[in-house]
Every structure is written in C-alpha cells, then in structure tokens.
C-alpha cells in the first residue's frame, strides 16, 4: 500500500521565523487547515499557494472576527 501525497505542498514552518506581516511588521501564525499565514494585528490572512506564501496585501483575506 502506498502513502497518499499531501493535500497541499509542504510549507516550511521555519519560514515563519523570517516572515512578518508586510502591513504591521508583526509576527504571523500559520493556519495549516486553511493554508494561510494570519496577522491578527492587520486582521488579514495571507494565502499559501503551492507551498509559497503570497505576502501581498491585495491578495490577503480579511479575517471574520
């Protein structure tokens, strides 16, 4: 029996140490289920596409509080 490939390409969590929110310059939280990097300070979630974070404000989703 072969292992199933991951649903999403792997995101390297070590990148979190280097990435900050481009709007607020604050730390980000990784949401593995939604494949996003979340900035509570900016109230935005930046998408991760193909394992690569898209750190553009106009591509980010506004968080539902």
Protein backbone atom coordinates (compact mmCIF):
# COMPACT_ATOMS: atom_id res chain seq x y z
CA UNK A 1 0.00 0.00 0.00
CA UNK A 2 1.42 3.41 -0.95
CA UNK A 3 1.17 6.56 1.11
CA UNK A 4 -1.16 9.30 -0.07
CA UNK A 5 0.57 12.51 -1.19
CA UNK A 6 -0.16 15.57 0.98
CA UNK A 7 -3.22 17.59 0.00
CA UNK A 8 -1.06 20.73 -0.19
CA UNK A 9 2.64 21.11 -0.96
CA UNK A 10 4.53 21.32 2.30
CA UNK A 11 5.01 24.75 3.83
CA UNK A 12 8.33 25.08 5.63
CA UNK A 13 7.37 26.28 9.12
CA UNK A 14 10.91 27.60 9.59
CA UNK A 15 9.91 30.37 7.17
CA UNK A 16 7.71 31.78 9.94
CA UNK A 17 10.85 32.89 11.75
CA UNK A 18 11.79 35.09 8.79
CA UNK A 19 8.36 36.28 7.64
CA UNK A 20 6.45 39.18 9.15
CA UNK A 21 3.25 40.92 8.19
CA UNK A 22 4.08 43.44 5.45
CA UNK A 23 1.41 45.82 6.76
CA UNK A 24 2.12 45.82 10.52
CA UNK A 25 5.61 44.27 10.77
CA UNK A 26 4.28 41.80 13.36
CA UNK A 27 4.58 38.01 13.67
CA UNK A 28 2.32 35.66 11.73
CA UNK A 29 0.51 32.49 12.78
CA UNK A 30 0.39 29.50 10.44
CA UNK A 31 -3.09 28.07 9.80
CA UNK A 32 -2.39 24.64 8.29
CA UNK A 33 -6.06 23.84 7.65
CA UNK A 34 -6.68 26.96 5.54
CA UNK A 35 -3.09 27.18 4.22
CA UNK A 36 -2.71 30.78 5.34
CA UNK A 37 -0.43 32.99 7.39
CA UNK A 38 -2.56 35.00 9.78
CA UNK A 39 -1.81 38.51 11.04
CA UNK A 40 -4.12 39.32 13.95
CA UNK A 41 -2.68 42.85 14.10
CA UNK A 42 -3.66 43.57 10.49
CA UNK A 43 -6.81 41.41 10.61
CA UNK A 44 -5.59 39.68 7.43
CA UNK A 45 -4.75 36.15 6.30
CA UNK A 46 -2.14 35.77 3.57
CA UNK A 47 -2.61 32.69 1.34
CA UNK A 48 -0.04 29.96 0.81
CA UNK A 49 -0.15 28.69 -2.78
CA UNK A 50 1.91 25.72 -3.85
CA UNK A 51 3.83 25.91 -0.58
CA UNK A 52 4.76 29.57 -1.20
CA UNK A 53 3.36 32.39 0.95
CA UNK A 54 1.79 35.23 -1.04
CA UNK A 55 2.66 38.24 1.09
CA UNK A 56 0.67 40.84 -0.84
CA UNK A 57 -1.95 42.84 0.99
CA UNK A 58 -4.28 42.87 -2.02
CA UNK A 59 -4.18 39.03 -2.11
CA UNK A 60 -4.93 38.68 1.62
CA UNK A 61 -8.30 37.71 3.06
CA UNK A 62 -9.89 39.92 5.72
CA UNK A 63 -10.47 37.88 8.87
CA UNK A 64 -14.00 37.28 10.14
CA UNK A 65 -13.97 38.12 13.81
